[in-house]
């Protein structure tokens, strides 16, 4: 089992976390468990997908009038 030190929200301190045995067969399971209280935490990257807007051009505000300099 792999171990890592992270901040535990339940214990309110830096605690040792370990990877539990993975029943799903992952090589590197993203789940970690606090060795003191047993709180589980999932550590996984966030993936964001952006799609272009096909509804047309982005509407723009008309130019504002400027005061004479």
N, C-alpha and C. Protein backbone atom coordinates (compact mmCIF):
# COMPACT_ATOMS: atom_id res chain seq x y z
N UNK A 1 0.83 -1.19 0.00
CA UNK A 1 0.00 0.00 0.00
C UNK A 1 0.87 1.24 0.00
N UNK A 2 0.47 2.21 -0.82
CA UNK A 2 1.17 3.48 -0.92
C UNK A 2 0.66 4.42 0.17
N UNK A 3 1.55 5.24 0.73
CA UNK A 3 1.17 6.17 1.80
C UNK A 3 1.53 7.59 1.41
N UNK A 4 0.72 8.54 1.88
CA UNK A 4 0.92 9.96 1.59
C UNK A 4 0.42 10.78 2.76
N UNK A 5 1.05 11.92 3.02
CA UNK A 5 0.60 12.79 4.10
C UNK A 5 -0.24 13.92 3.52
N UNK A 6 -1.50 14.04 3.98
CA UNK A 6 -2.42 15.07 3.53
C UNK A 6 -3.14 15.66 4.72
N UNK A 7 -3.87 16.75 4.49
CA UNK A 7 -4.67 17.37 5.54
C UNK A 7 -6.01 16.65 5.63
N UNK A 8 -6.33 16.14 6.83
CA UNK A 8 -7.59 15.44 7.07
C UNK A 8 -8.59 16.42 7.66
N UNK A 9 -9.78 16.52 7.05
CA UNK A 9 -10.82 17.45 7.52
C UNK A 9 -11.42 16.99 8.85
N UNK A 10 -11.48 15.70 9.10
CA UNK A 10 -12.05 15.17 10.34
C UNK A 10 -11.07 15.32 11.50
N UNK A 11 -9.83 14.91 11.29
CA UNK A 11 -8.81 14.98 12.35
C UNK A 11 -8.29 16.41 12.54
N UNK A 12 -8.53 17.30 11.56
CA UNK A 12 -8.09 18.69 11.59
C UNK A 12 -6.57 18.81 11.74
N UNK A 13 -5.87 18.08 10.89
CA UNK A 13 -4.42 18.13 10.91
C UNK A 13 -3.83 17.33 9.77
N UNK A 14 -2.51 17.43 9.61
CA UNK A 14 -1.81 16.65 8.60
C UNK A 14 -1.68 15.22 9.10
N UNK A 15 -2.28 14.29 8.37
CA UNK A 15 -2.30 12.89 8.77
C UNK A 15 -1.76 12.03 7.64
N UNK A 16 -1.43 10.81 7.97
CA UNK A 16 -0.94 9.84 7.00
C UNK A 16 -2.14 9.19 6.32
N UNK A 17 -2.19 9.23 4.99
CA UNK A 17 -3.24 8.60 4.19
C UNK A 17 -2.63 7.43 3.45
N UNK A 18 -3.41 6.37 3.25
CA UNK A 18 -2.93 5.22 2.50
C UNK A 18 -3.97 4.81 1.47
N UNK A 19 -3.51 4.13 0.43
CA UNK A 19 -4.39 3.62 -0.62
C UNK A 19 -4.90 2.26 -0.16
N UNK A 20 -6.24 2.10 -0.04
CA UNK A 20 -6.78 0.81 0.37
C UNK A 20 -6.68 -0.20 -0.77
N UNK A 21 -6.83 -1.48 -0.48
CA UNK A 21 -6.86 -2.46 -1.57
C UNK A 21 -8.01 -2.15 -2.52
N UNK A 22 -7.74 -2.10 -3.81
CA UNK A 22 -8.73 -1.70 -4.81
C UNK A 22 -9.43 -2.93 -5.38
N UNK A 23 -10.73 -2.99 -5.19
CA UNK A 23 -11.52 -4.12 -5.70
C UNK A 23 -11.79 -3.99 -7.19
N UNK A 24 -11.59 -2.76 -7.76
CA UNK A 24 -11.85 -2.54 -9.18
C UNK A 24 -10.67 -2.93 -10.06
N UNK A 25 -9.55 -3.23 -9.49
CA UNK A 25 -8.38 -3.65 -10.25
C UNK A 25 -7.56 -2.51 -10.83
N UNK A 26 -7.72 -1.28 -10.31
CA UNK A 26 -6.91 -0.16 -10.78
C UNK A 26 -5.46 -0.35 -10.36
N UNK A 27 -4.54 0.08 -11.21
CA UNK A 27 -3.13 0.04 -10.84
C UNK A 27 -2.81 1.14 -9.83
N UNK A 28 -3.35 2.33 -10.08
CA UNK A 28 -3.14 3.46 -9.18
C UNK A 28 -4.51 4.02 -8.81
N UNK A 29 -5.09 3.51 -7.74
CA UNK A 29 -6.44 3.89 -7.32
C UNK A 29 -6.44 5.33 -6.79
N UNK A 30 -7.43 6.17 -7.20
CA UNK A 30 -7.45 7.56 -6.76
C UNK A 30 -7.99 7.75 -5.34
N UNK A 31 -8.41 6.69 -4.67
CA UNK A 31 -8.98 6.81 -3.33
C UNK A 31 -7.89 6.68 -2.27
N UNK A 32 -7.96 7.56 -1.27
CA UNK A 32 -7.04 7.52 -0.15
C UNK A 32 -7.86 7.49 1.13
N UNK A 33 -7.33 6.84 2.19
CA UNK A 33 -8.03 6.71 3.46
C UNK A 33 -7.11 7.18 4.58
N UNK A 34 -7.65 8.02 5.49
CA UNK A 34 -6.88 8.49 6.64
C UNK A 34 -6.60 7.30 7.56
N UNK A 35 -5.35 7.14 7.97
CA UNK A 35 -4.99 6.01 8.82
C UNK A 35 -5.47 6.18 10.25
N UNK A 36 -5.86 7.40 10.64
CA UNK A 36 -6.32 7.63 12.01
C UNK A 36 -7.83 7.46 12.14
N UNK A 37 -8.62 8.15 11.28
CA UNK A 37 -10.08 8.14 11.44
C UNK A 37 -10.81 7.34 10.37
N UNK A 38 -10.13 7.04 9.25
CA UNK A 38 -10.76 6.26 8.18
C UNK A 38 -11.52 7.08 7.16
N UNK A 39 -11.42 8.41 7.20
CA UNK A 39 -12.10 9.24 6.23
C UNK A 39 -11.52 9.00 4.84
N UNK A 40 -12.40 8.80 3.86
CA UNK A 40 -11.96 8.55 2.49
C UNK A 40 -11.89 9.86 1.72
N UNK A 41 -10.91 9.97 0.84
CA UNK A 41 -10.75 11.14 -0.01
C UNK A 41 -10.36 10.66 -1.40
N UNK A 42 -10.99 11.22 -2.42
CA UNK A 42 -10.68 10.85 -3.79
C UNK A 42 -9.79 11.93 -4.38
N UNK A 43 -8.64 11.52 -4.88
CA UNK A 43 -7.69 12.44 -5.48
C UNK A 43 -7.61 12.08 -6.96
N UNK A 44 -8.25 12.92 -7.79
CA UNK A 44 -8.28 12.66 -9.22
C UNK A 44 -8.17 13.98 -9.97
N UNK A 45 -7.61 13.96 -11.16
CA UNK A 45 -7.51 15.20 -11.93
C UNK A 45 -8.88 15.66 -12.41
N UNK A 46 -9.03 16.95 -12.58
CA UNK A 46 -10.27 17.54 -13.08
C UNK A 46 -10.11 17.72 -14.59
N UNK A 47 -11.08 17.23 -15.35
CA UNK A 47 -11.05 17.35 -16.80
C UNK A 47 -12.17 18.29 -17.22
N UNK A 48 -11.82 19.31 -18.01
CA UNK A 48 -12.80 20.29 -18.48
C UNK A 48 -12.84 20.22 -20.00
N UNK A 49 -14.04 20.07 -20.56
CA UNK A 49 -14.22 20.05 -22.01
C UNK A 49 -14.90 21.35 -22.43
N UNK A 50 -14.34 22.02 -23.44
CA UNK A 50 -14.93 23.25 -23.97
C UNK A 50 -15.39 23.00 -25.40
N UNK A 51 -16.62 23.35 -25.68
CA UNK A 51 -17.16 23.22 -27.02
C UNK A 51 -17.41 24.61 -27.57
N UNK A 52 -17.11 24.83 -28.87
CA UNK A 52 -17.35 26.15 -29.45
C UNK A 52 -18.85 26.41 -29.57
N UNK A 53 -19.22 27.68 -29.53
CA UNK A 53 -20.61 28.07 -29.63
C UNK A 53 -20.98 28.09 -31.12
N UNK A 54 -21.88 27.21 -31.54
CA UNK A 54 -22.28 27.14 -32.95
C UNK A 54 -23.53 27.97 -33.22
N UNK A 55 -23.97 28.76 -32.26
CA UNK A 55 -25.19 29.56 -32.43
C UNK A 55 -24.91 30.85 -33.19
N UNK A 56 -23.69 31.13 -33.53
CA UNK A 56 -23.38 32.35 -34.25
C UNK A 56 -22.33 33.16 -33.52
N UNK A 57 -22.06 34.36 -34.03
CA UNK A 57 -21.03 35.18 -33.39
C UNK A 57 -21.48 35.65 -32.01
N UNK A 58 -20.51 36.01 -31.21
CA UNK A 58 -20.79 36.49 -29.86
C UNK A 58 -21.37 37.90 -29.95
N UNK A 59 -22.53 38.15 -29.34
CA UNK A 59 -23.10 39.50 -29.42
C UNK A 59 -22.21 40.50 -28.68
N UNK A 60 -22.06 41.66 -29.28
CA UNK A 60 -21.22 42.70 -28.69
C UNK A 60 -22.08 43.92 -28.38
N UNK A 61 -21.69 44.65 -27.34
CA UNK A 61 -22.39 45.86 -26.97
C UNK A 61 -22.00 46.98 -27.94
N UNK A 62 -22.94 47.88 -28.24
CA UNK A 62 -22.58 49.01 -29.12
C UNK A 62 -21.57 49.90 -28.41
N UNK A 63 -20.79 50.59 -29.21
CA UNK A 63 -19.78 51.50 -28.64
C UNK A 63 -20.48 52.60 -27.85
N UNK A 64 -19.92 52.92 -26.72
CA UNK A 64 -20.48 54.00 -25.91
C UNK A 64 -19.95 55.34 -26.40
N UNK A 65 -20.75 56.35 -26.23
CA UNK A 65 -20.32 57.69 -26.62
C UNK A 65 -19.27 58.17 -25.63
N UNK A 66 -18.31 58.87 -26.14
CA UNK A 66 -17.25 59.41 -25.28
C UNK A 66 -17.37 60.90 -25.19
N UNK A 67 -17.00 61.43 -24.05
CA UNK A 67 -17.01 62.89 -23.86
C UNK A 67 -15.87 63.52 -24.64
N UNK A 68 -16.09 64.75 -25.10
CA UNK A 68 -15.05 65.45 -25.86
C UNK A 68 -13.87 65.75 -24.96
N UNK A 69 -12.69 65.58 -25.48
CA UNK A 69 -11.48 65.81 -24.68
C UNK A 69 -11.06 67.24 -24.69
